[in-house]
C-alpha atoms as a PDB file:
ATOM      1  CA  UNK A   1     281.768  -2.036 194.851  1.00  0.00           C
ATOM      2  CA  UNK A   2     279.882   1.113 195.806  1.00  0.00           C
ATOM      3  CA  UNK A   3     280.411   2.563 199.264  1.00  0.00           C
ATOM      4  CA  UNK A   4     278.627   5.366 201.081  1.00  0.00           C
ATOM      5  CA  UNK A   5     281.124   7.680 202.724  1.00  0.00           C
ATOM      6  CA  UNK A   6     281.943  11.282 203.583  1.00  0.00           C
ATOM      7  CA  UNK A   7     283.572  13.757 201.202  1.00  0.00           C
ATOM      8  CA  UNK A   8     285.346  16.613 202.975  1.00  0.00           C
ATOM      9  CA  UNK A   9     284.471  20.114 201.817  1.00  0.00           C
ATOM     10  CA  UNK A  10     284.983  23.596 203.237  1.00  0.00           C
ATOM     11  CA  UNK A  11     288.114  25.497 204.122  1.00  0.00           C
ATOM     12  CA  UNK A  12     290.858  24.970 206.669  1.00  0.00           C
ATOM     13  CA  UNK A  13     289.535  24.659 210.257  1.00  0.00           C
ATOM     14  CA  UNK A  14     285.947  24.877 208.999  1.00  0.00           C
ATOM     15  CA  UNK A  15     285.057  21.521 207.430  1.00  0.00           C
ATOM     16  CA  UNK A  16     281.707  20.162 206.429  1.00  0.00           C
ATOM     17  CA  UNK A  17     281.045  16.862 204.730  1.00  0.00           C
ATOM     18  CA  UNK A  18     278.872  15.538 201.937  1.00  0.00           C
ATOM     19  CA  UNK A  19     277.488  12.024 202.224  1.00  0.00           C
ATOM     20  CA  UNK A  20     278.133  10.472 198.811  1.00  0.00           C
ATOM     21  CA  UNK A  21     277.851   7.190 196.930  1.00  0.00           C
ATOM     22  CA  UNK A  22     281.265   6.474 195.416  1.00  0.00           C
ATOM     23  CA  UNK A  23     283.229   3.623 193.877  1.00  0.00           C
ATOM     24  CA  UNK A  24     285.290   2.234 196.765  1.00  0.00           C
ATOM     25  CA  UNK A  25     288.516   2.295 194.723  1.00  0.00           C
ATOM     26  CA  UNK A  26     288.460   6.086 194.238  1.00  0.00           C
ATOM     27  CA  UNK A  27     289.993   8.786 196.455  1.00  0.00           C
ATOM     28  CA  UNK A  28     288.166  10.303 199.423  1.00  0.00           C
ATOM     29  CA  UNK A  29     287.535  13.659 197.761  1.00  0.00           C
ATOM     30  CA  UNK A  30     287.415  12.431 194.177  1.00  0.00           C
ATOM     31  CA  UNK A  31     284.577  11.954 191.716  1.00  0.00           C
ATOM     32  CA  UNK A  32     281.368  10.532 193.175  1.00  0.00           C
ATOM     33  CA  UNK A  33     278.237   8.919 191.726  1.00  0.00           C
ATOM     34  CA  UNK A  34     275.536  10.709 193.712  1.00  0.00           C
ATOM     35  CA  UNK A  35     275.253  13.048 196.686  1.00  0.00           C
ATOM     36  CA  UNK A  36     272.912  11.853 199.455  1.00  0.00           C
ATOM     37  CA  UNK A  37     273.116  14.796 201.835  1.00  0.00           C
ATOM     38  CA  UNK A  38     275.502  16.672 204.099  1.00  0.00           C
ATOM     39  CA  UNK A  39     276.851  16.711 207.652  1.00  0.00           C
ATOM     40  CA  UNK A  40     278.163  19.810 209.449  1.00  0.00           C
ATOM     41  CA  UNK A  41     279.904  18.971 212.751  1.00  0.00           C
ATOM     42  CA  UNK A  42     280.873  22.582 213.545  1.00  0.00           C
ATOM     43  CA  UNK A  43     277.357  23.861 214.265  1.00  0.00           C
ATOM     44  CA  UNK A  44     275.841  23.509 217.726  1.00  0.00           C
ATOM     45  CA  UNK A  45     274.045  21.069 217.628  1.00  0.00           C
ATOM     46  CA  UNK A  46     275.574  19.414 214.572  1.00  0.00           C
ATOM     47  CA  UNK A  47     273.550  19.429 211.347  1.00  0.00           C
ATOM     48  CA  UNK A  48     272.593  16.294 209.413  1.00  0.00           C
ATOM     49  CA  UNK A  49     270.547  16.511 206.208  1.00  0.00           C
ATOM     50  CA  UNK A  50     270.087  13.138 204.470  1.00  0.00           C
ATOM     51  CA  UNK A  51     267.810  12.347 201.521  1.00  0.00           C
ATOM     52  CA  UNK A  52     266.306   9.158 202.971  1.00  0.00           C
ATOM     53  CA  UNK A  53     264.870   7.922 199.670  1.00  0.00           C
ATOM     54  CA  UNK A  54     268.276   8.000 197.973  1.00  0.00           C
ATOM     55  CA  UNK A  55     269.989   6.429 200.994  1.00  0.00           C
ATOM     56  CA  UNK A  56     267.488   3.562 201.181  1.00  0.00           C
ATOM     57  CA  UNK A  57     267.836   3.040 197.418  1.00  0.00           C
ATOM     58  CA  UNK A  58     271.630   2.731 197.593  1.00  0.00           C
ATOM     59  CA  UNK A  59     271.561   0.425 200.615  1.00  0.00           C
ATOM     60  CA  UNK A  60     269.024  -1.804 198.856  1.00  0.00           C
ATOM     61  CA  UNK A  61     271.378  -1.910 195.831  1.00  0.00           C
ATOM     62  CA  UNK A  62     274.076  -3.294 198.135  1.00  0.00           C
ATOM     63  CA  UNK A  63     276.187  -0.208 198.853  1.00  0.00           C
ATOM     64  CA  UNK A  64     278.191  -0.472 202.081  1.00  0.00           C
ATOM     65  CA  UNK A  65     278.188   2.583 204.375  1.00  0.00           C
ATOM     66  CA  UNK A  66     281.355   3.496 206.267  1.00  0.00           C
ATOM     67  CA  UNK A  67     281.219   3.412 210.066  1.00  0.00           C
ATOM     68  CA  UNK A  68     280.724   7.169 210.318  1.00  0.00           C
ATOM     69  CA  UNK A  69     278.009   7.242 207.664  1.00  0.00           C
ATOM     70  CA  UNK A  70     276.329   4.269 209.358  1.00  0.00           C
ATOM     71  CA  UNK A  71     276.152   6.199 212.646  1.00  0.00           C
ATOM     72  CA  UNK A  72     274.799   9.278 210.829  1.00  0.00           C
ATOM     73  CA  UNK A  73     272.158   7.118 209.122  1.00  0.00           C
ATOM     74  CA  UNK A  74     271.196   5.704 212.507  1.00  0.00           C
ATOM     75  CA  UNK A  75     270.735   9.219 213.934  1.00  0.00           C
ATOM     76  CA  UNK A  76     268.740  10.306 210.868  1.00  0.00           C
ATOM     77  CA  UNK A  77     266.479   7.221 211.030  1.00  0.00           C
ATOM     78  CA  UNK A  78     267.522   5.718 207.695  1.00  0.00           C
ATOM     79  CA  UNK A  79     268.592   2.348 209.112  1.00  0.00           C
ATOM     80  CA  UNK A  80     265.231   1.837 210.818  1.00  0.00           C
ATOM     81  CA  UNK A  81     263.481   2.453 207.475  1.00  0.00           C
ATOM     82  CA  UNK A  82     265.737  -0.102 205.786  1.00  0.00           C
ATOM     83  CA  UNK A  83     265.026  -2.615 208.543  1.00  0.00           C
ATOM     84  CA  UNK A  84     261.253  -2.106 208.246  1.00  0.00           C
ATOM     85  CA  UNK A  85     261.401  -2.489 204.474  1.00  0.00           C
ATOM     86  CA  UNK A  86     263.501  -5.631 204.677  1.00  0.00           C
ATOM     87  CA  UNK A  87     261.784  -7.443 207.547  1.00  0.00           C
ATOM     88  CA  UNK A  88     258.409  -5.719 207.810  1.00  0.00           C
ATOM     89  CA  UNK A  89     256.801  -4.540 211.009  1.00  0.00           C
ATOM     90  CA  UNK A  90     257.392  -6.780 214.011  1.00  0.00           C
ATOM     91  CA  UNK A  91     254.262  -8.513 215.256  1.00  0.00           C
ATOM     92  CA  UNK A  92     253.207  -8.239 218.869  1.00  0.00           C
ATOM     93  CA  UNK A  93     252.829 -11.868 220.013  1.00  0.00           C
ATOM     94  CA  UNK A  94     252.133 -11.192 223.719  1.00  0.00           C
ATOM     95  CA  UNK A  95     248.341 -11.305 223.396  1.00  0.00           C
ATOM     96  CA  UNK A  96     248.107 -14.325 221.097  1.00  0.00           C
ATOM     97  CA  UNK A  97     247.071 -17.399 223.083  1.00  0.00           C
END
């Protein structure tokens, strides 16, 4: 199964992370299938750069994001795009009588 998770990069006391699609049986920092973006928690404010097209593609293929990647996707607006693609725009039914 493919999972979307963080790969730690950088040096000691100065980490940054790549958001990657990886086989769930492989190591955290091992070989990955595709890079989706990066996350730098050390900057103020923290930096998130996600390729939304790739992220939506992998989620539609059935890849499971980790909890941290899921929260990053929520902040970047990827999960709302997936929801709109899956369920369409919600209809306003207040004015229909």
